[in-house]
mmCIF file of all heavy atoms, coordinates in Angstrom:
data_MODEL
# 
_entry.id   MODEL 
# 
loop_
_atom_site.group_PDB 
_atom_site.id 
_atom_site.type_symbol 
_atom_site.label_atom_id 
_atom_site.label_alt_id 
_atom_site.label_comp_id 
_atom_site.label_asym_id 
_atom_site.label_entity_id 
_atom_site.label_seq_id 
_atom_site.pdbx_PDB_ins_code 
_atom_site.Cartn_x 
_atom_site.Cartn_y 
_atom_site.Cartn_z 
_atom_site.occupancy 
_atom_site.B_iso_or_equiv 
_atom_site.pdbx_formal_charge 
_atom_site.auth_seq_id 
_atom_site.auth_comp_id 
_atom_site.auth_asym_id 
_atom_site.auth_atom_id 
_atom_site.pdbx_PDB_model_num 
ATOM 1   N N   . ILE A 1 1  ? -69.033 -147.203 -223.998 1.00 0.00 ? 1  ILE A N   1 
ATOM 2   C CA  . ILE A 1 1  ? -68.624 -145.983 -224.601 1.00 0.00 ? 1  ILE A CA  1 
ATOM 3   C C   . ILE A 1 1  ? -67.408 -145.366 -223.908 1.00 0.00 ? 1  ILE A C   1 
ATOM 4   O O   . ILE A 1 1  ? -66.398 -144.867 -224.474 1.00 0.00 ? 1  ILE A O   1 
ATOM 5   C CB  . ILE A 1 1  ? -69.773 -144.960 -224.787 1.00 0.00 ? 1  ILE A CB  1 
ATOM 6   C CG1 . ILE A 1 1  ? -70.747 -145.525 -225.796 1.00 0.00 ? 1  ILE A CG1 1 
ATOM 7   C CG2 . ILE A 1 1  ? -69.235 -143.616 -225.221 1.00 0.00 ? 1  ILE A CG2 1 
ATOM 8   C CD1 . ILE A 1 1  ? -72.119 -144.757 -225.828 1.00 0.00 ? 1  ILE A CD1 1 
ATOM 9   N N   . ALA A 1 2  ? -67.461 -145.342 -222.577 1.00 0.00 ? 2  ALA A N   1 
ATOM 10  C CA  . ALA A 1 2  ? -66.435 -144.785 -221.698 1.00 0.00 ? 2  ALA A CA  1 
ATOM 11  C C   . ALA A 1 2  ? -65.144 -145.597 -221.908 1.00 0.00 ? 2  ALA A C   1 
ATOM 12  O O   . ALA A 1 2  ? -64.025 -144.957 -222.142 1.00 0.00 ? 2  ALA A O   1 
ATOM 13  C CB  . ALA A 1 2  ? -66.810 -144.781 -220.232 1.00 0.00 ? 2  ALA A CB  1 
ATOM 14  N N   . TYR A 1 3  ? -65.157 -146.872 -221.879 1.00 0.00 ? 3  TYR A N   1 
ATOM 15  C CA  . TYR A 1 3  ? -63.944 -147.734 -222.154 1.00 0.00 ? 3  TYR A CA  1 
ATOM 16  C C   . TYR A 1 3  ? -63.462 -147.597 -223.534 1.00 0.00 ? 3  TYR A C   1 
ATOM 17  O O   . TYR A 1 3  ? -62.227 -147.658 -223.716 1.00 0.00 ? 3  TYR A O   1 
ATOM 18  C CB  . TYR A 1 3  ? -64.210 -149.218 -221.758 1.00 0.00 ? 3  TYR A CB  1 
ATOM 19  C CG  . TYR A 1 3  ? -64.119 -149.365 -220.219 1.00 0.00 ? 3  TYR A CG  1 
ATOM 20  C CD1 . TYR A 1 3  ? -65.260 -149.580 -219.449 1.00 0.00 ? 3  TYR A CD1 1 
ATOM 21  C CD2 . TYR A 1 3  ? -62.883 -149.496 -219.685 1.00 0.00 ? 3  TYR A CD2 1 
ATOM 22  C CE1 . TYR A 1 3  ? -65.168 -149.790 -218.055 1.00 0.00 ? 3  TYR A CE1 1 
ATOM 23  C CE2 . TYR A 1 3  ? -62.727 -149.702 -218.260 1.00 0.00 ? 3  TYR A CE2 1 
ATOM 24  C CZ  . TYR A 1 3  ? -63.821 -149.834 -217.471 1.00 0.00 ? 3  TYR A CZ  1 
ATOM 25  O OH  . TYR A 1 3  ? -63.690 -150.046 -216.140 1.00 0.00 ? 3  TYR A OH  1 
ATOM 26  N N   . HIS A 1 4  ? -64.330 -147.453 -224.441 1.00 0.00 ? 4  HIS A N   1 
ATOM 27  C CA  . HIS A 1 4  ? -63.914 -147.226 -225.895 1.00 0.00 ? 4  HIS A CA  1 
ATOM 28  C C   . HIS A 1 4  ? -63.104 -146.001 -226.034 1.00 0.00 ? 4  HIS A C   1 
ATOM 29  O O   . HIS A 1 4  ? -62.057 -145.875 -226.611 1.00 0.00 ? 4  HIS A O   1 
ATOM 30  C CB  . HIS A 1 4  ? -65.096 -147.263 -226.827 1.00 0.00 ? 4  HIS A CB  1 
ATOM 31  C CG  . HIS A 1 4  ? -64.835 -147.195 -228.291 1.00 0.00 ? 4  HIS A CG  1 
ATOM 32  N ND1 . HIS A 1 4  ? -64.629 -146.115 -228.960 1.00 0.00 ? 4  HIS A ND1 1 
ATOM 33  C CD2 . HIS A 1 4  ? -64.447 -148.244 -229.095 1.00 0.00 ? 4  HIS A CD2 1 
ATOM 34  C CE1 . HIS A 1 4  ? -64.322 -146.309 -230.206 1.00 0.00 ? 4  HIS A CE1 1 
ATOM 35  N NE2 . HIS A 1 4  ? -64.201 -147.663 -230.357 1.00 0.00 ? 4  HIS A NE2 1 
ATOM 36  N N   . THR A 1 5  ? -63.601 -144.895 -225.335 1.00 0.00 ? 5  THR A N   1 
ATOM 37  C CA  . THR A 1 5  ? -62.892 -143.627 -225.337 1.00 0.00 ? 5  THR A CA  1 
ATOM 38  C C   . THR A 1 5  ? -61.560 -143.713 -224.754 1.00 0.00 ? 5  THR A C   1 
ATOM 39  O O   . THR A 1 5  ? -60.572 -143.055 -225.145 1.00 0.00 ? 5  THR A O   1 
ATOM 40  C CB  . THR A 1 5  ? -63.740 -142.503 -224.618 1.00 0.00 ? 5  THR A CB  1 
ATOM 41  O OG1 . THR A 1 5  ? -65.123 -142.516 -225.149 1.00 0.00 ? 5  THR A OG1 1 
ATOM 42  C CG2 . THR A 1 5  ? -63.170 -141.231 -224.763 1.00 0.00 ? 5  THR A CG2 1 
ATOM 43  N N   . LEU A 1 6  ? -61.427 -144.543 -223.690 1.00 0.00 ? 6  LEU A N   1 
ATOM 44  C CA  . LEU A 1 6  ? -60.181 -144.740 -222.935 1.00 0.00 ? 6  LEU A CA  1 
ATOM 45  C C   . LEU A 1 6  ? -59.155 -145.596 -223.794 1.00 0.00 ? 6  LEU A C   1 
ATOM 46  O O   . LEU A 1 6  ? -57.997 -145.764 -223.442 1.00 0.00 ? 6  LEU A O   1 
ATOM 47  C CB  . LEU A 1 6  ? -60.449 -145.435 -221.590 1.00 0.00 ? 6  LEU A CB  1 
ATOM 48  C CG  . LEU A 1 6  ? -60.979 -144.575 -220.478 1.00 0.00 ? 6  LEU A CG  1 
ATOM 49  C CD1 . LEU A 1 6  ? -61.505 -145.353 -219.313 1.00 0.00 ? 6  LEU A CD1 1 
ATOM 50  C CD2 . LEU A 1 6  ? -59.914 -143.550 -220.077 1.00 0.00 ? 6  LEU A CD2 1 
ATOM 51  N N   . GLY A 1 7  ? -59.679 -146.241 -224.857 1.00 0.00 ? 7  GLY A N   1 
ATOM 52  C CA  . GLY A 1 7  ? -58.856 -147.065 -225.698 1.00 0.00 ? 7  GLY A CA  1 
ATOM 53  C C   . GLY A 1 7  ? -58.861 -148.441 -225.272 1.00 0.00 ? 7  GLY A C   1 
ATOM 54  O O   . GLY A 1 7  ? -58.058 -149.327 -225.825 1.00 0.00 ? 7  GLY A O   1 
ATOM 55  N N   . ASN A 1 8  ? -59.658 -148.874 -224.315 1.00 0.00 ? 8  ASN A N   1 
ATOM 56  C CA  . ASN A 1 8  ? -59.709 -150.268 -223.896 1.00 0.00 ? 8  ASN A CA  1 
ATOM 57  C C   . ASN A 1 8  ? -60.843 -150.960 -224.575 1.00 0.00 ? 8  ASN A C   1 
ATOM 58  O O   . ASN A 1 8  ? -61.949 -151.149 -224.155 1.00 0.00 ? 8  ASN A O   1 
ATOM 59  C CB  . ASN A 1 8  ? -60.057 -150.307 -222.332 1.00 0.00 ? 8  ASN A CB  1 
ATOM 60  C CG  . ASN A 1 8  ? -59.900 -151.776 -221.758 1.00 0.00 ? 8  ASN A CG  1 
ATOM 61  O OD1 . ASN A 1 8  ? -60.024 -152.715 -222.486 1.00 0.00 ? 8  ASN A OD1 1 
ATOM 62  N ND2 . ASN A 1 8  ? -59.705 -151.827 -220.411 1.00 0.00 ? 8  ASN A ND2 1 
ATOM 63  N N   . PHE A 1 9  ? -60.522 -151.353 -225.919 1.00 0.00 ? 9  PHE A N   1 
ATOM 64  C CA  . PHE A 1 9  ? -61.502 -151.763 -226.809 1.00 0.00 ? 9  PHE A CA  1 
ATOM 65  C C   . PHE A 1 9  ? -62.076 -153.154 -226.422 1.00 0.00 ? 9  PHE A C   1 
ATOM 66  O O   . PHE A 1 9  ? -63.238 -153.398 -226.652 1.00 0.00 ? 9  PHE A O   1 
ATOM 67  C CB  . PHE A 1 9  ? -60.961 -151.775 -228.219 1.00 0.00 ? 9  PHE A CB  1 
ATOM 68  C CG  . PHE A 1 9  ? -60.432 -150.475 -228.605 1.00 0.00 ? 9  PHE A CG  1 
ATOM 69  C CD1 . PHE A 1 9  ? -59.121 -150.443 -229.190 1.00 0.00 ? 9  PHE A CD1 1 
ATOM 70  C CD2 . PHE A 1 9  ? -61.132 -149.343 -228.538 1.00 0.00 ? 9  PHE A CD2 1 
ATOM 71  C CE1 . PHE A 1 9  ? -58.509 -149.143 -229.584 1.00 0.00 ? 9  PHE A CE1 1 
ATOM 72  C CE2 . PHE A 1 9  ? -60.598 -148.084 -228.932 1.00 0.00 ? 9  PHE A CE2 1 
ATOM 73  C CZ  . PHE A 1 9  ? -59.289 -148.010 -229.405 1.00 0.00 ? 9  PHE A CZ  1 
ATOM 74  N N   . GLN A 1 10 ? -61.250 -153.987 -225.813 1.00 0.00 ? 10 GLN A N   1 
ATOM 75  C CA  . GLN A 1 10 ? -61.768 -155.324 -225.484 1.00 0.00 ? 10 GLN A CA  1 
ATOM 76  C C   . GLN A 1 10 ? -62.780 -155.224 -224.370 1.00 0.00 ? 10 GLN A C   1 
ATOM 77  O O   . GLN A 1 10 ? -63.807 -155.914 -224.410 1.00 0.00 ? 10 GLN A O   1 
ATOM 78  C CB  . GLN A 1 10 ? -60.620 -156.233 -225.008 1.00 0.00 ? 10 GLN A CB  1 
ATOM 79  C CG  . GLN A 1 10 ? -59.639 -156.654 -226.159 1.00 0.00 ? 10 GLN A CG  1 
ATOM 80  C CD  . GLN A 1 10 ? -60.317 -157.655 -227.085 1.00 0.00 ? 10 GLN A CD  1 
ATOM 81  O OE1 . GLN A 1 10 ? -61.531 -158.029 -226.940 1.00 0.00 ? 10 GLN A OE1 1 
ATOM 82  N NE2 . GLN A 1 10 ? -59.605 -158.154 -228.130 1.00 0.00 ? 10 GLN A NE2 1 
ATOM 83  N N   . GLN A 1 11 ? -62.516 -154.377 -223.386 1.00 0.00 ? 11 GLN A N   1 
ATOM 84  C CA  . GLN A 1 11 ? -63.436 -154.260 -222.378 1.00 0.00 ? 11 GLN A CA  1 
ATOM 85  C C   . GLN A 1 11 ? -64.742 -153.545 -222.804 1.00 0.00 ? 11 GLN A C   1 
ATOM 86  O O   . GLN A 1 11 ? -65.876 -153.934 -222.381 1.00 0.00 ? 11 GLN A O   1 
ATOM 87  C CB  . GLN A 1 11 ? -62.911 -153.380 -221.196 1.00 0.00 ? 11 GLN A CB  1 
ATOM 88  C CG  . GLN A 1 11 ? -63.756 -153.172 -219.991 1.00 0.00 ? 11 GLN A CG  1 
ATOM 89  C CD  . GLN A 1 11 ? -63.957 -154.486 -219.263 1.00 0.00 ? 11 GLN A CD  1 
ATOM 90  O OE1 . GLN A 1 11 ? -63.039 -155.110 -218.777 1.00 0.00 ? 11 GLN A OE1 1 
ATOM 91  N NE2 . GLN A 1 11 ? -65.278 -154.942 -219.194 1.00 0.00 ? 11 GLN A NE2 1 
ATOM 92  N N   . ALA A 1 12 ? -64.569 -152.603 -223.736 1.00 0.00 ? 12 ALA A N   1 
ATOM 93  C CA  . ALA A 1 12 ? -65.749 -151.944 -224.355 1.00 0.00 ? 12 ALA A CA  1 
ATOM 94  C C   . ALA A 1 12 ? -66.626 -152.991 -225.094 1.00 0.00 ? 12 ALA A C   1 
ATOM 95  O O   . ALA A 1 12 ? -67.868 -153.031 -224.972 1.00 0.00 ? 12 ALA A O   1 
ATOM 96  C CB  . ALA A 1 12 ? -65.336 -150.886 -225.320 1.00 0.00 ? 12 ALA A CB  1 
ATOM 97  N N   . ILE A 1 13 ? -66.009 -153.901 -225.843 1.00 0.00 ? 13 ILE A N   1 
ATOM 98  C CA  . ILE A 1 13 ? -66.743 -154.954 -226.517 1.00 0.00 ? 13 ILE A CA  1 
ATOM 99  C C   . ILE A 1 13 ? -67.530 -155.839 -225.602 1.00 0.00 ? 13 ILE A C   1 
ATOM 100 O O   . ILE A 1 13 ? -68.687 -156.122 -225.788 1.00 0.00 ? 13 ILE A O   1 
ATOM 101 C CB  . ILE A 1 13 ? -65.705 -155.791 -227.373 1.00 0.00 ? 13 ILE A CB  1 
ATOM 102 C CG1 . ILE A 1 13 ? -65.286 -155.011 -228.619 1.00 0.00 ? 13 ILE A CG1 1 
ATOM 103 C CG2 . ILE A 1 13 ? -66.364 -157.120 -227.795 1.00 0.00 ? 13 ILE A CG2 1 
ATOM 104 C CD1 . ILE A 1 13 ? -64.144 -155.567 -229.351 1.00 0.00 ? 13 ILE A CD1 1 
ATOM 105 N N   . GLU A 1 14 ? -66.892 -156.206 -224.361 1.00 0.00 ? 14 GLU A N   1 
ATOM 106 C CA  . GLU A 1 14 ? -67.595 -156.973 -223.411 1.00 0.00 ? 14 GLU A CA  1 
ATOM 107 C C   . GLU A 1 14 ? -68.872 -156.327 -222.955 1.00 0.00 ? 14 GLU A C   1 
ATOM 108 O O   . GLU A 1 14 ? -70.004 -156.924 -222.819 1.00 0.00 ? 14 GLU A O   1 
ATOM 109 C CB  . GLU A 1 14 ? -66.687 -157.274 -222.200 1.00 0.00 ? 14 GLU A CB  1 
ATOM 110 C CG  . GLU A 1 14 ? -65.535 -158.285 -222.517 1.00 0.00 ? 14 GLU A CG  1 
ATOM 111 C CD  . GLU A 1 14 ? -66.038 -159.608 -223.228 1.00 0.00 ? 14 GLU A CD  1 
ATOM 112 O OE1 . GLU A 1 14 ? -66.960 -160.192 -222.520 1.00 0.00 ? 14 GLU A OE1 1 
ATOM 113 O OE2 . GLU A 1 14 ? -65.516 -159.931 -224.201 1.00 0.00 ? 14 GLU A OE2 1 
ATOM 114 N N   . TYR A 1 15 ? -68.759 -154.996 -222.650 1.00 0.00 ? 15 TYR A N   1 
ATOM 115 C CA  . TYR A 1 15 ? -69.929 -154.220 -222.198 1.00 0.00 ? 15 TYR A CA  1 
ATOM 116 C C   . TYR A 1 15 ? -70.961 -154.105 -223.270 1.00 0.00 ? 15 TYR A C   1 
ATOM 117 O O   . TYR A 1 15 ? -72.203 -154.212 -223.058 1.00 0.00 ? 15 TYR A O   1 
ATOM 118 C CB  . TYR A 1 15 ? -69.574 -152.839 -221.660 1.00 0.00 ? 15 TYR A CB  1 
ATOM 119 C CG  . TYR A 1 15 ? -68.885 -152.999 -220.257 1.00 0.00 ? 15 TYR A CG  1 
ATOM 120 C CD1 . TYR A 1 15 ? -67.660 -152.420 -220.033 1.00 0.00 ? 15 TYR A CD1 1 
ATOM 121 C CD2 . TYR A 1 15 ? -69.644 -153.528 -219.226 1.00 0.00 ? 15 TYR A CD2 1 
ATOM 122 C CE1 . TYR A 1 15 ? -67.136 -152.492 -218.727 1.00 0.00 ? 15 TYR A CE1 1 
ATOM 123 C CE2 . TYR A 1 15 ? -69.097 -153.478 -217.924 1.00 0.00 ? 15 TYR A CE2 1 
ATOM 124 C CZ  . TYR A 1 15 ? -67.840 -153.011 -217.740 1.00 0.00 ? 15 TYR A CZ  1 
ATOM 125 O OH  . TYR A 1 15 ? -67.365 -153.061 -216.406 1.00 0.00 ? 15 TYR A OH  1 
ATOM 126 N N   . PHE A 1 16 ? -70.536 -153.909 -224.502 1.00 0.00 ? 16 PHE A N   1 
ATOM 127 C CA  . PHE A 1 16 ? -71.481 -153.768 -225.640 1.00 0.00 ? 16 PHE A CA  1 
ATOM 128 C C   . PHE A 1 16 ? -72.211 -155.027 -225.855 1.00 0.00 ? 16 PHE A C   1 
ATOM 129 O O   . PHE A 1 16 ? -73.419 -155.107 -226.271 1.00 0.00 ? 16 PHE A O   1 
ATOM 130 C CB  . PHE A 1 16 ? -70.771 -153.327 -226.886 1.00 0.00 ? 16 PHE A CB  1 
ATOM 131 C CG  . PHE A 1 16 ? -70.296 -151.889 -226.943 1.00 0.00 ? 16 PHE A CG  1 
ATOM 132 C CD1 . PHE A 1 16 ? -69.135 -151.520 -227.483 1.00 0.00 ? 16 PHE A CD1 1 
ATOM 133 C CD2 . PHE A 1 16 ? -71.093 -150.856 -226.245 1.00 0.00 ? 16 PHE A CD2 1 
ATOM 134 C CE1 . PHE A 1 16 ? -68.666 -150.145 -227.505 1.00 0.00 ? 16 PHE A CE1 1 
ATOM 135 C CE2 . PHE A 1 16 ? -70.660 -149.537 -226.247 1.00 0.00 ? 16 PHE A CE2 1 
ATOM 136 C CZ  . PHE A 1 16 ? -69.514 -149.174 -226.838 1.00 0.00 ? 16 PHE A CZ  1 
ATOM 137 N N   . LYS A 1 17 ? -71.537 -156.180 -225.696 1.00 0.00 ? 17 LYS A N   1 
ATOM 138 C CA  . LYS A 1 17 ? -72.142 -157.533 -225.861 1.00 0.00 ? 17 LYS A CA  1 
ATOM 139 C C   . LYS A 1 17 ? -73.230 -157.690 -224.809 1.00 0.00 ? 17 LYS A C   1 
ATOM 140 O O   . LYS A 1 17 ? -74.318 -158.243 -225.110 1.00 0.00 ? 17 LYS A O   1 
ATOM 141 C CB  . LYS A 1 17 ? -71.179 -158.567 -225.842 1.00 0.00 ? 17 LYS A CB  1 
ATOM 142 C CG  . LYS A 1 17 ? -70.286 -158.716 -227.130 1.00 0.00 ? 17 LYS A CG  1 
ATOM 143 C CD  . LYS A 1 17 ? -69.308 -159.855 -227.030 1.00 0.00 ? 17 LYS A CD  1 
ATOM 144 C CE  . LYS A 1 17 ? -68.601 -160.037 -228.494 1.00 0.00 ? 17 LYS A CE  1 
ATOM 145 N NZ  . LYS A 1 17 ? -67.631 -161.165 -228.338 1.00 0.00 ? 17 LYS A NZ  1 
ATOM 146 N N   . GLN A 1 18 ? -72.928 -157.256 -223.555 1.00 0.00 ? 18 GLN A N   1 
ATOM 147 C CA  . GLN A 1 18 ? -73.978 -157.403 -222.538 1.00 0.00 ? 18 GLN A CA  1 
ATOM 148 C C   . GLN A 1 18 ? -75.135 -156.432 -222.793 1.00 0.00 ? 18 GLN A C   1 
ATOM 149 O O   . GLN A 1 18 ? -76.334 -156.804 -222.582 1.00 0.00 ? 18 GLN A O   1 
ATOM 150 C CB  . GLN A 1 18 ? -73.333 -157.081 -221.121 1.00 0.00 ? 18 GLN A CB  1 
ATOM 151 C CG  . GLN A 1 18 ? -72.385 -158.211 -220.731 1.00 0.00 ? 18 GLN A CG  1 
ATOM 152 C CD  . GLN A 1 18 ? -71.535 -157.804 -219.473 1.00 0.00 ? 18 GLN A CD  1 
ATOM 153 O OE1 . GLN A 1 18 ? -70.795 -156.904 -219.444 1.00 0.00 ? 18 GLN A OE1 1 
ATOM 154 N NE2 . GLN A 1 18 ? -71.803 -158.557 -218.472 1.00 0.00 ? 18 GLN A NE2 1 
ATOM 155 N N   . GLN A 1 19 ? -74.840 -155.258 -223.329 1.00 0.00 ? 19 GLN A N   1 
ATOM 156 C CA  . GLN A 1 19 ? -75.903 -154.359 -223.671 1.00 0.00 ? 19 GLN A CA  1 
ATOM 157 C C   . GLN A 1 19 ? -76.836 -154.980 -224.749 1.00 0.00 ? 19 GLN A C   1 
ATOM 158 O O   . GLN A 1 19 ? -78.020 -154.975 -224.645 1.00 0.00 ? 19 GLN A O   1 
ATOM 159 C CB  . GLN A 1 19 ? -75.257 -153.039 -224.219 1.00 0.00 ? 19 GLN A CB  1 
ATOM 160 C CG  . GLN A 1 19 ? -76.375 -152.111 -224.794 1.00 0.00 ? 19 GLN A CG  1 
ATOM 161 C CD  . GLN A 1 19 ? -75.661 -151.004 -225.722 1.00 0.00 ? 19 GLN A CD  1 
ATOM 162 O OE1 . GLN A 1 19 ? -74.552 -151.064 -226.177 1.00 0.00 ? 19 GLN A OE1 1 
ATOM 163 N NE2 . GLN A 1 19 ? -76.451 -149.914 -225.891 1.00 0.00 ? 19 GLN A NE2 1 
ATOM 164 N N   . LEU A 1 20 ? -76.154 -155.567 -225.785 1.00 0.00 ? 20 LEU A N   1 
ATOM 165 C CA  . LEU A 1 20 ? -76.876 -156.205 -226.879 1.00 0.00 ? 20 LEU A CA  1 
ATOM 166 C C   . LEU A 1 20 ? -77.724 -157.367 -226.449 1.00 0.00 ? 20 LEU A C   1 
ATOM 167 O O   . LEU A 1 20 ? -78.917 -157.456 -226.822 1.00 0.00 ? 20 LEU A O   1 
ATOM 168 C CB  . LEU A 1 20 ? -75.847 -156.629 -227.918 1.00 0.00 ? 20 LEU A CB  1 
ATOM 169 C CG  . LEU A 1 20 ? -76.467 -157.246 -229.194 1.00 0.00 ? 20 LEU A CG  1 
ATOM 170 C CD1 . LEU A 1 20 ? -77.302 -156.208 -229.892 1.00 0.00 ? 20 LEU A CD1 1 
ATOM 171 C CD2 . LEU A 1 20 ? -75.359 -157.728 -230.128 1.00 0.00 ? 20 LEU A CD2 1 
ATOM 172 N N   . SER A 1 21 ? -77.178 -158.159 -225.492 1.00 0.00 ? 21 SER A N   1 
ATOM 173 C CA  . SER A 1 21 ? -77.898 -159.303 -224.952 1.00 0.00 ? 21 SER A CA  1 
ATOM 174 C C   . SER A 1 21 ? -79.219 -158.820 -224.262 1.00 0.00 ? 21 SER A C   1 
ATOM 175 O O   . SER A 1 21 ? -80.324 -159.432 -224.398 1.00 0.00 ? 21 SER A O   1 
ATOM 176 C CB  . SER A 1 21 ? -77.068 -160.068 -224.019 1.00 0.00 ? 21 SER A CB  1 
ATOM 177 O OG  . SER A 1 21 ? -77.778 -161.150 -223.409 1.00 0.00 ? 21 SER A OG  1 
ATOM 178 N N   . ILE A 1 22 ? -79.129 -157.747 -223.482 1.00 0.00 ? 22 ILE A N   1 
ATOM 179 C CA  . ILE A 1 22 ? -80.307 -157.218 -222.776 1.00 0.00 ? 22 ILE A CA  1 
ATOM 180 C C   . ILE A 1 22 ? -81.300 -156.649 -223.699 1.00 0.00 ? 22 ILE A C   1 
ATOM 181 O O   . ILE A 1 22 ? -82.495 -156.857 -223.521 1.00 0.00 ? 22 ILE A O   1 
ATOM 182 C CB  . ILE A 1 22 ? -79.882 -156.275 -221.710 1.00 0.00 ? 22 ILE A CB  1 
ATOM 183 C CG1 . ILE A 1 22 ? -79.112 -156.962 -220.526 1.00 0.00 ? 22 ILE A CG1 1 
ATOM 184 C CG2 . ILE A 1 22 ? -81.076 -155.458 -221.152 1.00 0.00 ? 22 ILE A CG2 1 
ATOM 185 C CD1 . ILE A 1 22 ? -78.517 -156.043 -219.557 1.00 0.00 ? 22 ILE A CD1 1 
ATOM 186 N N   . THR A 1 23 ? -80.812 -155.906 -224.712 1.00 0.00 ? 23 THR A N   1 
ATOM 187 C CA  . THR A 1 23 ? -81.809 -155.273 -225.699 1.00 0.00 ? 23 THR A CA  1 
ATOM 188 C C   . THR A 1 23 ? -82.618 -156.366 -226.319 1.00 0.00 ? 23 THR A C   1 
ATOM 189 O O   . THR A 1 23 ? -83.810 -156.150 -226.652 1.00 0.00 ? 23 THR A O   1 
ATOM 190 C CB  . THR A 1 23 ? -81.152 -154.407 -226.711 1.00 0.00 ? 23 THR A CB  1 
ATOM 191 O OG1 . THR A 1 23 ? -80.191 -155.180 -227.451 1.00 0.00 ? 23 THR A OG1 1 
ATOM 192 C CG2 . THR A 1 23 ? -80.360 -153.201 -225.947 1.00 0.00 ? 23 THR A CG2 1 
ATOM 193 N N   . LYS A 1 24 ? -81.924 -157.516 -226.678 1.00 0.00 ? 24 LYS A N   1 
ATOM 194 C CA  . LYS A 1 24 ? -82.631 -158.609 -227.379 1.00 0.00 ? 24 LYS A CA  1 
ATOM 195 C C   . LYS A 1 24 ? -83.733 -159.192 -226.352 1.00 0.00 ? 24 LYS A C   1 
ATOM 196 O O   . LYS A 1 24 ? -84.830 -159.517 -226.758 1.00 0.00 ? 24 LYS A O   1 
ATOM 197 C CB  . LYS A 1 24 ? -81.670 -159.726 -227.787 1.00 0.00 ? 24 LYS A CB  1 
ATOM 198 C CG  . LYS A 1 24 ? -80.767 -159.337 -228.968 1.00 0.00 ? 24 LYS A CG  1 
ATOM 199 C CD  . LYS A 1 24 ? -79.911 -160.452 -229.330 1.00 0.00 ? 24 LYS A CD  1 
ATOM 200 C CE  . LYS A 1 24 ? -79.003 -160.114 -230.502 1.00 0.00 ? 24 LYS A CE  1 
ATOM 201 N NZ  . LYS A 1 24 ? -78.094 -161.187 -230.859 1.00 0.00 ? 24 LYS A NZ  1 
ATOM 202 N N   . GLU A 1 25 ? -83.287 -159.324 -225.120 1.00 0.00 ? 25 GLU A N   1 
ATOM 203 C CA  . GLU A 1 25 ? -84.173 -159.942 -224.067 1.00 0.00 ? 25 GLU A CA  1 
ATOM 204 C C   . GLU A 1 25 ? -85.410 -159.049 -223.879 1.00 0.00 ? 25 GLU A C   1 
ATOM 205 O O   . GLU A 1 25 ? -86.496 -159.692 -223.736 1.00 0.00 ? 25 GLU A O   1 
ATOM 206 C CB  . GLU A 1 25 ? -83.375 -160.144 -222.779 1.00 0.00 ? 25 GLU A CB  1 
ATOM 207 C CG  . GLU A 1 25 ? -84.233 -160.969 -221.718 1.00 0.00 ? 25 GLU A CG  1 
ATOM 208 C CD  . GLU A 1 25 ? -83.347 -161.263 -220.552 1.00 0.00 ? 25 GLU A CD  1 
ATOM 209 O OE1 . GLU A 1 25 ? -82.075 -161.246 -220.666 1.00 0.00 ? 25 GLU A OE1 1 
ATOM 210 O OE2 . GLU A 1 25 ? -83.915 -161.533 -219.491 1.00 0.00 ? 25 GLU A OE2 1 
# 
């Protein structure tokens, strides 16, 4: 969310994918 707010969308996506992976686990 912080990186998305900063406009760094690619980095935000990387973090969100890691978040998603853990929530599935």
